[in-house]
Amino acid sequence: MRRARVAAVLAGLAAGLTLAGCGVPPSGVIQAGPAASGIPRPDANPAARSVVALYFVHDGALRPYPRQVGSAADHRSVLAMLFDGPDAQESATATTLLPRLPSAPDVTIEGDGILAVRLPDAAGHPDHLALMQLACTVAGIAEPLTAKPAGGGSFLTTPSPALGSPAHTRVAVTGNGWSTTLPASSCPGPLPS
């Protein structure tokens, strides 16, 4: 046992003398950053992705088109995609009756559980089928959310059990001088699994 200790000490001295002889000065422990933890697995922290239904028009009727999004809770991004219309693949069978907007409208929830969308003046007054595209998409967004913004009403940011299922949701759409409330119960069926 003693021989092993002596051998270890001699090996350490030899390594120290070798480094000192090469012009490398001795130093103590240098602290730099967190301890090594290995390479993380690629799926260790996957980005949260959701699939939502964007409602477009197919042969004169509404049809849900699945779209992958970063988060269904980001209602503004979902509505921006809806108002941008079908993507290249969807446009083979789908069209939109909604106007292009410079930015997506905000979605709020009113005290009686109605989802409210305020369209900018530039949107004009879309026809009934276009309004149903909007109402069905808004009602179908996963996990309706709520939180108070600065200007009254409430933005959608935390789960809201008051809304119930999308089929029982009502969506109020307001524009310049007009307003209509649409039931989501008349929306086509959910996305296929």
N, C-alpha and C. Protein backbone atom coordinates (compact mmCIF):
# COMPACT_ATOMS: atom_id res chain seq x y z
N MET A 1 0.82 -1.17 0.00
CA MET A 1 0.00 0.00 0.00
C MET A 1 0.87 1.24 0.00
N ARG A 2 1.95 1.19 0.84
CA ARG A 2 2.85 2.32 0.93
C ARG A 2 3.57 2.53 -0.38
N ARG A 3 3.95 1.46 -1.05
CA ARG A 3 4.63 1.56 -2.34
C ARG A 3 3.73 2.25 -3.37
N ALA A 4 2.43 1.96 -3.32
CA ALA A 4 1.50 2.57 -4.27
C ALA A 4 1.42 4.07 -4.05
N ARG A 5 1.43 4.49 -2.78
CA ARG A 5 1.39 5.94 -2.48
C ARG A 5 2.67 6.62 -2.95
N VAL A 6 3.79 5.99 -2.69
CA VAL A 6 5.07 6.56 -3.09
C VAL A 6 5.12 6.67 -4.61
N ALA A 7 4.62 5.66 -5.31
CA ALA A 7 4.63 5.67 -6.77
C ALA A 7 3.72 6.78 -7.29
N ALA A 8 2.58 7.00 -6.64
CA ALA A 8 1.66 8.05 -7.07
C ALA A 8 2.28 9.42 -6.85
N VAL A 9 2.94 9.61 -5.72
CA VAL A 9 3.58 10.90 -5.44
C VAL A 9 4.71 11.15 -6.43
N LEU A 10 5.50 10.13 -6.71
CA LEU A 10 6.59 10.29 -7.67
C LEU A 10 6.07 10.58 -9.07
N ALA A 11 4.95 9.96 -9.45
CA ALA A 11 4.37 10.21 -10.77
C ALA A 11 3.87 11.65 -10.85
N GLY A 12 3.27 12.13 -9.77
CA GLY A 12 2.80 13.52 -9.74
C GLY A 12 3.96 14.50 -9.81
N LEU A 13 5.04 14.23 -9.10
CA LEU A 13 6.22 15.10 -9.16
C LEU A 13 6.83 15.09 -10.56
N ALA A 14 6.88 13.92 -11.16
CA ALA A 14 7.45 13.82 -12.51
C ALA A 14 6.62 14.62 -13.50
N ALA A 15 5.30 14.55 -13.39
CA ALA A 15 4.44 15.31 -14.29
C ALA A 15 4.63 16.80 -14.06
N GLY A 16 4.73 17.20 -12.79
CA GLY A 16 4.93 18.62 -12.46
C GLY A 16 6.26 19.12 -12.98
N LEU A 17 7.32 18.33 -12.83
CA LEU A 17 8.63 18.73 -13.32
C LEU A 17 8.64 18.80 -14.84
N THR A 18 7.93 17.88 -15.48
CA THR A 18 7.87 17.89 -16.94
C THR A 18 7.20 19.16 -17.44
N LEU A 19 6.08 19.54 -16.83
CA LEU A 19 5.39 20.75 -17.23
C LEU A 19 6.23 21.99 -16.90
N ALA A 20 6.87 21.99 -15.73
CA ALA A 20 7.68 23.15 -15.35
C ALA A 20 8.87 23.28 -16.29
N GLY A 21 9.41 22.15 -16.72
CA GLY A 21 10.54 22.17 -17.62
C GLY A 21 10.16 22.68 -19.01
N CYS A 22 8.90 22.63 -19.37
CA CYS A 22 8.45 23.09 -20.68
C CYS A 22 8.03 24.55 -20.66
N GLY A 23 8.18 25.20 -19.54
CA GLY A 23 7.80 26.60 -19.47
C GLY A 23 6.36 26.83 -19.08
N VAL A 24 5.63 25.78 -18.70
CA VAL A 24 4.24 25.94 -18.26
C VAL A 24 4.26 26.15 -16.76
N PRO A 25 3.81 27.33 -16.30
CA PRO A 25 3.86 27.58 -14.86
C PRO A 25 2.79 26.76 -14.14
N PRO A 26 3.07 26.36 -12.93
CA PRO A 26 2.07 25.61 -12.16
C PRO A 26 0.94 26.54 -11.74
N SER A 27 -0.24 25.98 -11.61
CA SER A 27 -1.38 26.78 -11.14
C SER A 27 -2.28 25.91 -10.30
N GLY A 28 -3.20 26.60 -9.60
CA GLY A 28 -4.18 25.88 -8.78
C GLY A 28 -5.40 25.55 -9.63
N VAL A 29 -6.47 25.20 -8.97
CA VAL A 29 -7.72 24.89 -9.65
C VAL A 29 -8.31 26.18 -10.20
N ILE A 30 -8.72 26.15 -11.44
CA ILE A 30 -9.32 27.32 -12.08
C ILE A 30 -10.82 27.05 -12.25
N GLN A 31 -11.65 27.92 -11.65
CA GLN A 31 -13.10 27.78 -11.77
C GLN A 31 -13.56 28.48 -13.04
N ALA A 32 -14.30 27.75 -13.87
CA ALA A 32 -14.81 28.34 -15.11
C ALA A 32 -16.11 27.68 -15.50
N GLY A 33 -17.22 28.34 -15.24
CA GLY A 33 -18.53 27.86 -15.67
C GLY A 33 -19.03 26.69 -14.87
N PRO A 34 -20.16 26.14 -15.29
CA PRO A 34 -20.75 25.01 -14.57
C PRO A 34 -19.99 23.73 -14.85
N ALA A 35 -20.19 22.78 -13.97
CA ALA A 35 -19.54 21.49 -14.13
C ALA A 35 -20.05 20.82 -15.42
N ALA A 36 -19.18 20.04 -16.02
CA ALA A 36 -19.57 19.33 -17.25
C ALA A 36 -20.70 18.36 -16.92
N SER A 37 -21.65 18.28 -17.83
CA SER A 37 -22.79 17.39 -17.56
C SER A 37 -23.07 16.46 -18.73
N GLY A 38 -22.25 16.48 -19.72
CA GLY A 38 -22.47 15.60 -20.87
C GLY A 38 -23.28 16.29 -21.95
N ILE A 39 -23.49 15.60 -23.03
CA ILE A 39 -24.24 16.14 -24.16
C ILE A 39 -25.71 15.82 -23.95
N PRO A 40 -26.59 16.85 -24.00
CA PRO A 40 -28.02 16.56 -23.82
C PRO A 40 -28.59 15.79 -25.00
N ARG A 41 -29.57 14.96 -24.72
CA ARG A 41 -30.26 14.24 -25.79
C ARG A 41 -31.02 15.26 -26.63
N PRO A 42 -31.16 15.04 -27.94
CA PRO A 42 -31.88 15.98 -28.78
C PRO A 42 -33.32 16.19 -28.35
N ASP A 43 -33.96 15.15 -27.77
CA ASP A 43 -35.35 15.29 -27.37
C ASP A 43 -35.52 15.63 -25.90
N ALA A 44 -34.42 16.02 -25.21
CA ALA A 44 -34.51 16.32 -23.79
C ALA A 44 -35.40 17.52 -23.52
N ASN A 45 -35.36 18.54 -24.33
CA ASN A 45 -36.20 19.72 -24.17
C ASN A 45 -36.86 20.08 -25.49
N PRO A 46 -37.77 19.25 -25.97
CA PRO A 46 -38.37 19.55 -27.27
C PRO A 46 -39.20 20.81 -27.19
N ALA A 47 -39.22 21.56 -28.28
CA ALA A 47 -40.04 22.76 -28.33
C ALA A 47 -41.50 22.34 -28.32
N ALA A 48 -42.29 23.07 -27.56
CA ALA A 48 -43.72 22.76 -27.49
C ALA A 48 -44.34 23.07 -28.84
N ARG A 49 -44.97 22.09 -29.45
CA ARG A 49 -45.63 22.26 -30.74
C ARG A 49 -47.07 21.80 -30.57
N SER A 50 -47.96 22.45 -31.25
CA SER A 50 -49.38 22.11 -31.21
C SER A 50 -49.91 22.06 -32.63
N VAL A 51 -51.01 21.36 -32.80
CA VAL A 51 -51.71 21.35 -34.08
C VAL A 51 -53.06 22.03 -33.86
N VAL A 52 -53.35 23.01 -34.69
CA VAL A 52 -54.63 23.70 -34.63
C VAL A 52 -55.33 23.54 -35.97
N ALA A 53 -56.63 23.78 -35.95
CA ALA A 53 -57.42 23.72 -37.19
C ALA A 53 -57.62 25.14 -37.69
N LEU A 54 -57.15 25.39 -38.90
CA LEU A 54 -57.47 26.64 -39.59
C LEU A 54 -58.61 26.30 -40.53
N TYR A 55 -59.67 27.08 -40.49
CA TYR A 55 -60.83 26.78 -41.33
C TYR A 55 -60.76 27.59 -42.62
N PHE A 56 -60.70 26.85 -43.75
CA PHE A 56 -60.70 27.45 -45.07
C PHE A 56 -61.91 26.91 -45.83
N VAL A 57 -62.14 27.44 -47.01
CA VAL A 57 -63.29 27.04 -47.83
C VAL A 57 -62.84 26.02 -48.87
N HIS A 58 -63.57 24.92 -48.92
CA HIS A 58 -63.29 23.84 -49.88
C HIS A 58 -64.62 23.50 -50.56
N ASP A 59 -64.69 23.71 -51.86
CA ASP A 59 -65.92 23.45 -52.63
C ASP A 59 -67.14 24.13 -52.00
N GLY A 60 -66.97 25.38 -51.58
CA GLY A 60 -68.08 26.18 -51.05
C GLY A 60 -68.47 25.90 -49.62
N ALA A 61 -67.73 25.05 -48.92
CA ALA A 61 -68.04 24.72 -47.52
C ALA A 61 -66.79 24.83 -46.66
N LEU A 62 -66.99 25.04 -45.36
CA LEU A 62 -65.86 25.11 -44.44
C LEU A 62 -65.25 23.74 -44.24
N ARG A 63 -63.94 23.75 -44.08
CA ARG A 63 -63.22 22.50 -43.82
C ARG A 63 -62.02 22.83 -42.96
N PRO A 64 -61.76 22.03 -41.89
CA PRO A 64 -60.58 22.29 -41.06
C PRO A 64 -59.32 21.77 -41.74
N TYR A 65 -58.28 22.58 -41.72
CA TYR A 65 -56.97 22.20 -42.24
C TYR A 65 -55.99 22.23 -41.08
N PRO A 66 -55.35 21.09 -40.75
CA PRO A 66 -54.42 21.07 -39.62
C PRO A 66 -53.16 21.88 -39.93
N ARG A 67 -52.73 22.63 -38.95
CA ARG A 67 -51.52 23.43 -39.10
C ARG A 67 -50.72 23.30 -37.81
N GLN A 68 -49.44 23.01 -37.93
CA GLN A 68 -48.57 22.92 -36.76
C GLN A 68 -48.12 24.33 -36.38
N VAL A 69 -48.22 24.63 -35.09
CA VAL A 69 -47.83 25.95 -34.58
C VAL A 69 -46.92 25.78 -33.38
N GLY A 70 -46.19 26.83 -33.05
CA GLY A 70 -45.33 26.79 -31.87
C GLY A 70 -46.14 26.57 -30.61
N SER A 71 -47.25 27.28 -30.49
CA SER A 71 -48.12 27.15 -29.33
C SER A 71 -49.53 27.57 -29.70
N ALA A 72 -50.49 26.74 -29.37
CA ALA A 72 -51.88 27.10 -29.63
C ALA A 72 -52.30 28.27 -28.77
N ALA A 73 -51.55 28.52 -27.70
CA ALA A 73 -51.88 29.64 -26.83
C ALA A 73 -51.54 30.98 -27.47
N ASP A 74 -50.75 30.96 -28.54
CA ASP A 74 -50.39 32.19 -29.22
C ASP A 74 -51.46 32.49 -30.27
N HIS A 75 -52.60 32.99 -29.79
CA HIS A 75 -53.75 33.23 -30.65
C HIS A 75 -53.45 34.19 -31.80
N ARG A 76 -52.62 35.18 -31.53
CA ARG A 76 -52.28 36.16 -32.57
C ARG A 76 -51.60 35.49 -33.75
N SER A 77 -50.67 34.59 -33.47
CA SER A 77 -49.96 33.88 -34.55
C SER A 77 -50.92 32.98 -35.32
N VAL A 78 -51.81 32.29 -34.60
CA VAL A 78 -52.78 31.42 -35.26
C VAL A 78 -53.67 32.25 -36.18
N LEU A 79 -54.17 33.40 -35.69
CA LEU A 79 -55.02 34.24 -36.53
C LEU A 79 -54.25 34.86 -37.69
N ALA A 80 -52.98 35.16 -37.48
CA ALA A 80 -52.17 35.68 -38.58
C ALA A 80 -52.09 34.65 -39.70
N MET A 81 -51.91 33.37 -39.34
CA MET A 81 -51.87 32.31 -40.35
C MET A 81 -53.23 32.20 -41.07
N LEU A 82 -54.32 32.32 -40.31
CA LEU A 82 -55.65 32.24 -40.92
C LEU A 82 -55.85 33.36 -41.93
N PHE A 83 -55.51 34.59 -41.54
CA PHE A 83 -55.71 35.73 -42.44
C PHE A 83 -54.71 35.74 -43.60
N ASP A 84 -53.59 35.02 -43.46
CA ASP A 84 -52.65 34.89 -44.58
C ASP A 84 -53.18 33.93 -45.64
N GLY A 85 -54.16 33.11 -45.28
CA GLY A 85 -54.77 32.19 -46.23
C GLY A 85 -54.07 30.85 -46.29
N PRO A 86 -54.54 29.99 -47.17
CA PRO A 86 -53.95 28.65 -47.30
C PRO A 86 -52.47 28.73 -47.73
N ASP A 87 -51.69 27.78 -47.23
CA ASP A 87 -50.29 27.73 -47.66
C ASP A 87 -50.23 27.06 -49.04
N ALA A 88 -49.05 26.87 -49.56
CA ALA A 88 -48.89 26.34 -50.92
C ALA A 88 -49.56 24.98 -51.08
N GLN A 89 -49.41 24.10 -50.12
CA GLN A 89 -50.01 22.77 -50.21
C GLN A 89 -51.53 22.84 -50.07
N GLU A 90 -52.03 23.63 -49.12
CA GLU A 90 -53.47 23.74 -48.89
C GLU A 90 -54.20 24.40 -50.06
N SER A 91 -53.52 25.32 -50.73
CA SER A 91 -54.18 26.08 -51.79
C SER A 91 -54.60 25.21 -52.98
N ALA A 92 -54.14 23.98 -53.03
CA ALA A 92 -54.59 23.06 -54.08
C ALA A 92 -56.07 22.73 -53.91
N THR A 93 -56.57 22.76 -52.67
CA THR A 93 -57.97 22.43 -52.42
C THR A 93 -58.72 23.49 -51.63
N ALA A 94 -58.02 24.48 -51.11
CA ALA A 94 -58.65 25.45 -50.21
C ALA A 94 -58.49 26.88 -50.69
N THR A 95 -59.40 27.70 -50.25
CA THR A 95 -59.32 29.14 -50.49
C THR A 95 -59.81 29.83 -49.22
N THR A 96 -59.66 31.13 -49.16
CA THR A 96 -60.16 31.89 -48.02
C THR A 96 -61.01 33.04 -48.51
N LEU A 97 -61.99 33.40 -47.72
CA LEU A 97 -62.83 34.55 -48.02
C LEU A 97 -62.49 35.72 -47.12
N LEU A 98 -61.53 35.51 -46.22
CA LEU A 98 -61.10 36.58 -45.31
C LEU A 98 -60.11 37.50 -46.02
N PRO A 99 -60.16 38.79 -45.71
CA PRO A 99 -59.21 39.72 -46.33
C PRO A 99 -57.83 39.58 -45.69
N ARG A 100 -56.81 39.95 -46.43
CA ARG A 100 -55.46 40.01 -45.84
C ARG A 100 -55.41 41.24 -44.95
N LEU A 101 -54.82 41.07 -43.77
CA LEU A 101 -54.71 42.18 -42.82
C LEU A 101 -53.24 42.46 -42.54
N PRO A 102 -52.91 43.73 -42.24
CA PRO A 102 -51.52 44.04 -41.92
C PRO A 102 -51.06 43.39 -40.63
N SER A 103 -51.98 43.12 -39.70
CA SER A 103 -51.65 42.40 -38.47
C SER A 103 -52.89 41.68 -37.99
N ALA A 104 -52.68 40.62 -37.23
CA ALA A 104 -53.80 39.80 -36.76
C ALA A 104 -54.58 40.55 -35.68
N PRO A 105 -55.89 40.35 -35.65
CA PRO A 105 -56.69 40.97 -34.60
C PRO A 105 -56.46 40.28 -33.26
N ASP A 106 -56.75 40.98 -32.19
CA ASP A 106 -56.66 40.39 -30.85
C ASP A 106 -57.93 39.60 -30.56
N VAL A 107 -57.78 38.58 -29.74
CA VAL A 107 -58.91 37.80 -29.26
C VAL A 107 -59.02 38.07 -27.77
N THR A 108 -60.22 38.38 -27.30
CA THR A 108 -60.45 38.58 -25.88
C THR A 108 -61.61 37.70 -25.45
N ILE A 109 -61.78 37.57 -24.16
CA ILE A 109 -62.92 36.81 -23.66
C ILE A 109 -63.74 37.74 -22.79
N GLU A 110 -65.02 37.77 -23.04
CA GLU A 110 -65.92 38.62 -22.28
C GLU A 110 -66.42 37.86 -21.06
N GLY A 111 -66.98 38.58 -20.10
CA GLY A 111 -67.42 37.99 -18.85
C GLY A 111 -68.39 36.84 -19.00
N ASP A 112 -69.18 36.81 -20.04
CA ASP A 112 -70.15 35.72 -20.23
C ASP A 112 -69.57 34.56 -21.04
N GLY A 113 -68.25 34.51 -21.21
CA GLY A 113 -67.60 33.40 -21.91
C GLY A 113 -67.60 33.50 -23.41
N ILE A 114 -67.99 34.63 -23.96
CA ILE A 114 -67.97 34.81 -25.41
C ILE A 114 -66.58 35.25 -25.84
N LEU A 115 -66.03 34.58 -26.84
CA LEU A 115 -64.76 35.01 -27.41
C LEU A 115 -65.04 36.19 -28.32
N ALA A 116 -64.31 37.27 -28.15
CA ALA A 116 -64.55 38.48 -28.94
C ALA A 116 -63.35 38.80 -29.82
N VAL A 117 -63.63 39.07 -31.10
CA VAL A 117 -62.60 39.43 -32.07
C VAL A 117 -62.99 40.78 -32.65
N ARG A 118 -62.08 41.73 -32.58
CA ARG A 118 -62.33 43.06 -33.15
C ARG A 118 -61.50 43.19 -34.41
N LEU A 119 -62.17 43.30 -35.55
CA LEU A 119 -61.48 43.45 -36.83
C LEU A 119 -61.15 44.92 -37.08
N PRO A 120 -60.03 45.19 -37.72
CA PRO A 120 -59.70 46.57 -38.06
C PRO A 120 -60.64 47.09 -39.14
N ASP A 121 -60.76 48.40 -39.26
CA ASP A 121 -61.64 49.01 -40.25
C ASP A 121 -61.33 48.52 -41.66
N ALA A 122 -60.05 48.25 -41.96
CA ALA A 122 -59.64 47.82 -43.30
C ALA A 122 -60.26 46.49 -43.70
N ALA A 123 -60.75 45.72 -42.74
CA ALA A 123 -61.31 44.40 -43.05
C ALA A 123 -62.69 44.49 -43.69
N GLY A 124 -63.34 45.64 -43.59
CA GLY A 124 -64.68 45.77 -44.14
C GLY A 124 -65.65 44.89 -43.38
N HIS A 125 -66.67 44.39 -44.06
CA HIS A 125 -67.65 43.48 -43.46
C HIS A 125 -67.63 42.17 -44.23
N PRO A 126 -66.84 41.18 -43.77
CA PRO A 126 -66.77 39.90 -44.47
C PRO A 126 -68.14 39.22 -44.51
N ASP A 127 -68.36 38.37 -45.53
CA ASP A 127 -69.64 37.67 -45.62
C ASP A 127 -69.73 36.58 -44.55
N HIS A 128 -70.89 35.95 -44.46
CA HIS A 128 -71.15 34.99 -43.39
C HIS A 128 -70.15 33.82 -43.39
N LEU A 129 -69.83 33.27 -44.55
CA LEU A 129 -68.91 32.13 -44.60
C LEU A 129 -67.51 32.54 -44.14
N ALA A 130 -67.08 33.75 -44.51
CA ALA A 130 -65.78 34.24 -44.04
C ALA A 130 -65.79 34.41 -42.52
N LEU A 131 -66.88 34.94 -41.99
CA LEU A 131 -66.98 35.09 -40.53
C LEU A 131 -66.98 33.74 -39.84
N MET A 132 -67.57 32.74 -40.46
CA MET A 132 -67.54 31.39 -39.88
C MET A 132 -66.13 30.81 -39.91
N GLN A 133 -65.34 31.13 -40.95
CA GLN A 133 -63.93 30.71 -40.96
C GLN A 133 -63.24 31.21 -39.70
N LEU A 134 -63.46 32.47 -39.41
CA LEU A 134 -62.85 33.10 -38.24
C LEU A 134 -63.39 32.50 -36.95
N ALA A 135 -64.71 32.41 -36.83
CA ALA A 135 -65.32 31.90 -35.60
C ALA A 135 -64.90 30.46 -35.30
N CYS A 136 -64.89 29.61 -36.31
CA CYS A 136 -64.53 28.21 -36.10
C CYS A 136 -63.07 28.06 -35.72
N THR A 137 -62.20 28.83 -36.36
CA THR A 137 -60.77 28.76 -36.01
C THR A 137 -60.55 29.24 -34.59
N VAL A 138 -61.15 30.37 -34.22
CA VAL A 138 -60.98 30.92 -32.86
C VAL A 138 -61.53 29.94 -31.83
N ALA A 139 -62.72 29.40 -32.07
CA ALA A 139 -63.33 28.49 -31.10
C ALA A 139 -62.56 27.19 -30.96
N GLY A 140 -61.88 26.77 -32.01
CA GLY A 140 -61.18 25.50 -31.98
C GLY A 140 -59.76 25.56 -31.46
N ILE A 141 -59.26 26.76 -31.20
CA ILE A 141 -57.89 26.86 -30.69
C ILE A 141 -57.82 26.16 -29.33
N ALA A 142 -56.83 25.30 -29.19
CA ALA A 142 -56.70 24.50 -27.97
C ALA A 142 -56.53 25.37 -26.74
N GLU A 143 -57.10 24.95 -25.65
CA GLU A 143 -56.98 25.59 -24.35
C GLU A 143 -57.23 27.09 -24.39
N PRO A 144 -58.47 27.50 -24.51
CA PRO A 144 -58.75 28.94 -24.46
C PRO A 144 -58.15 29.54 -23.20
N LEU A 145 -57.61 30.73 -23.31
CA LEU A 145 -56.83 31.34 -22.24
C LEU A 145 -57.34 32.72 -21.85
N THR A 146 -57.05 33.17 -20.62
CA THR A 146 -57.50 34.51 -20.20
C THR A 146 -56.46 35.21 -19.32
N ALA A 147 -56.37 36.53 -19.44
CA ALA A 147 -55.57 37.37 -18.55
C ALA A 147 -55.93 38.82 -18.83
N LYS A 148 -55.82 39.68 -17.85
CA LYS A 148 -56.23 41.07 -18.01
C LYS A 148 -55.18 41.89 -18.76
N PRO A 149 -55.59 42.59 -19.83
CA PRO A 149 -54.70 43.53 -20.49
C PRO A 149 -54.92 44.92 -19.93
N ALA A 150 -54.15 45.88 -20.40
CA ALA A 150 -54.26 47.25 -19.90
C ALA A 150 -55.57 47.91 -20.28
N GLY A 151 -56.15 47.61 -21.44
CA GLY A 151 -57.31 48.36 -21.93
C GLY A 151 -58.67 47.75 -21.64
N GLY A 152 -58.82 46.88 -20.67
CA GLY A 152 -60.12 46.27 -20.40
C GLY A 152 -60.25 44.96 -21.16
N GLY A 153 -61.30 44.21 -20.90
CA GLY A 153 -61.44 42.90 -21.52
C GLY A 153 -60.40 41.96 -20.95
N SER A 154 -60.07 40.91 -21.66
CA SER A 154 -59.00 40.02 -21.20
C SER A 154 -58.38 39.27 -22.35
N PHE A 155 -57.06 39.31 -22.42
CA PHE A 155 -56.35 38.54 -23.44
C PHE A 155 -56.32 37.09 -23.02
N LEU A 156 -56.08 36.24 -23.97
CA LEU A 156 -56.09 34.82 -23.69
C LEU A 156 -54.69 34.35 -23.34
N THR A 157 -54.42 34.08 -22.04
CA THR A 157 -53.10 33.62 -21.63
C THR A 157 -53.08 32.58 -20.52
N THR A 158 -54.18 32.30 -19.84
CA THR A 158 -54.22 31.24 -18.83
C THR A 158 -55.47 30.41 -19.04
N PRO A 159 -55.44 29.11 -18.71
CA PRO A 159 -56.60 28.28 -19.00
C PRO A 159 -57.89 28.86 -18.42
N SER A 160 -58.96 28.79 -19.19
CA SER A 160 -60.25 29.32 -18.77
C SER A 160 -61.32 28.24 -18.84
N PRO A 161 -61.67 27.63 -17.71
CA PRO A 161 -62.68 26.58 -17.73
C PRO A 161 -64.07 27.12 -18.05
N ALA A 162 -64.27 28.44 -18.01
CA ALA A 162 -65.59 29.03 -18.24
C ALA A 162 -66.08 28.82 -19.67
N LEU A 163 -65.17 28.55 -20.60
CA LEU A 163 -65.59 28.44 -22.00
C LEU A 163 -66.17 27.08 -22.35
N GLY A 164 -65.79 26.06 -21.64
CA GLY A 164 -66.30 24.73 -21.99
C GLY A 164 -65.71 24.24 -23.30
N SER A 165 -66.40 23.36 -23.98
CA SER A 165 -65.87 22.80 -25.22
C SER A 165 -66.08 23.79 -26.37
N PRO A 166 -65.25 23.69 -27.42
CA PRO A 166 -65.39 24.59 -28.57
C PRO A 166 -66.78 24.55 -29.18
N ALA A 167 -67.47 23.42 -29.13
CA ALA A 167 -68.80 23.31 -29.72
C ALA A 167 -69.82 24.20 -29.01
N HIS A 168 -69.56 24.53 -27.73
CA HIS A 168 -70.47 25.37 -26.97
C HIS A 168 -70.00 26.82 -26.90
N THR A 169 -68.96 27.14 -27.60
CA THR A 169 -68.39 28.48 -27.58
C THR A 169 -69.12 29.38 -28.57
N ARG A 170 -69.28 30.63 -28.20
CA ARG A 170 -69.82 31.63 -29.13
C ARG A 170 -68.72 32.65 -29.38
N VAL A 171 -68.64 33.11 -30.62
CA VAL A 171 -67.61 34.07 -31.01
C VAL A 171 -68.29 35.34 -31.51
N ALA A 172 -67.97 36.46 -30.88
CA ALA A 172 -68.49 37.76 -31.30
C ALA A 172 -67.44 38.44 -32.16
N VAL A 173 -67.81 38.80 -33.38
CA VAL A 173 -66.89 39.48 -34.29
C VAL A 173 -67.44 40.89 -34.49
N THR A 174 -66.57 41.88 -34.29
CA THR A 174 -66.98 43.27 -34.41
C THR A 174 -66.09 43.97 -35.42
N GLY A 175 -66.72 44.81 -36.24
CA GLY A 175 -66.00 45.62 -37.21
C GLY A 175 -66.43 47.06 -37.07
N ASN A 176 -66.18 47.85 -38.08
CA ASN A 176 -66.54 49.27 -38.07
C ASN A 176 -68.04 49.43 -38.30
N GLY A 177 -68.79 49.63 -37.22
CA GLY A 177 -70.22 49.85 -37.31
C GLY A 177 -71.06 48.59 -37.38
N TRP A 178 -70.51 47.43 -37.17
CA TRP A 178 -71.28 46.18 -37.19
C TRP A 178 -70.73 45.20 -36.16
N SER A 179 -71.55 44.26 -35.76
CA SER A 179 -71.16 43.21 -34.82
C SER A 179 -72.07 42.01 -35.04
N THR A 180 -71.52 40.83 -34.91
CA THR A 180 -72.31 39.61 -35.03
C THR A 180 -71.74 38.55 -34.09
N THR A 181 -72.59 37.71 -33.55
CA THR A 181 -72.17 36.61 -32.69
C THR A 181 -72.52 35.31 -33.38
N LEU A 182 -71.52 34.44 -33.47
CA LEU A 182 -71.68 33.18 -34.20
C LEU A 182 -71.46 32.00 -33.26
N PRO A 183 -72.31 30.97 -33.33
CA PRO A 183 -72.10 29.78 -32.50
C PRO A 183 -71.10 28.85 -33.17
N ALA A 184 -70.20 28.31 -32.38
CA ALA A 184 -69.23 27.35 -32.93
C ALA A 184 -69.86 25.98 -33.13
N SER A 185 -71.08 25.78 -32.65
CA SER A 185 -71.73 24.48 -32.81
C SER A 185 -72.01 24.14 -34.28
N SER A 186 -72.00 25.16 -35.15
CA SER A 186 -72.24 24.89 -36.57
C SER A 186 -70.94 24.69 -37.36
N CYS A 187 -69.83 24.60 -36.66
CA CYS A 187 -68.54 24.38 -37.33
C CYS A 187 -68.41 22.91 -37.72
N PRO A 188 -67.70 22.62 -38.83
CA PRO A 188 -67.45 21.22 -39.20
C PRO A 188 -66.68 20.51 -38.09
N GLY A 189 -66.73 19.19 -38.13
CA GLY A 189 -66.11 18.36 -37.11
C GLY A 189 -64.66 18.68 -36.83
N PRO A 190 -64.13 18.11 -35.74
CA PRO A 190 -62.75 18.38 -35.34
C PRO A 190 -61.75 17.78 -36.31
N LEU A 191 -60.50 18.12 -36.08
CA LEU A 191 -59.42 17.57 -36.90
C LEU A 191 -59.35 16.06 -36.73
N PRO A 192 -59.03 15.34 -37.80
CA PRO A 192 -58.83 13.91 -37.64
C PRO A 192 -57.57 13.65 -36.81
N SER A 193 -57.59 12.60 -36.01
CA SER A 193 -56.44 12.30 -35.15
C SER A 193 -55.35 11.63 -35.93
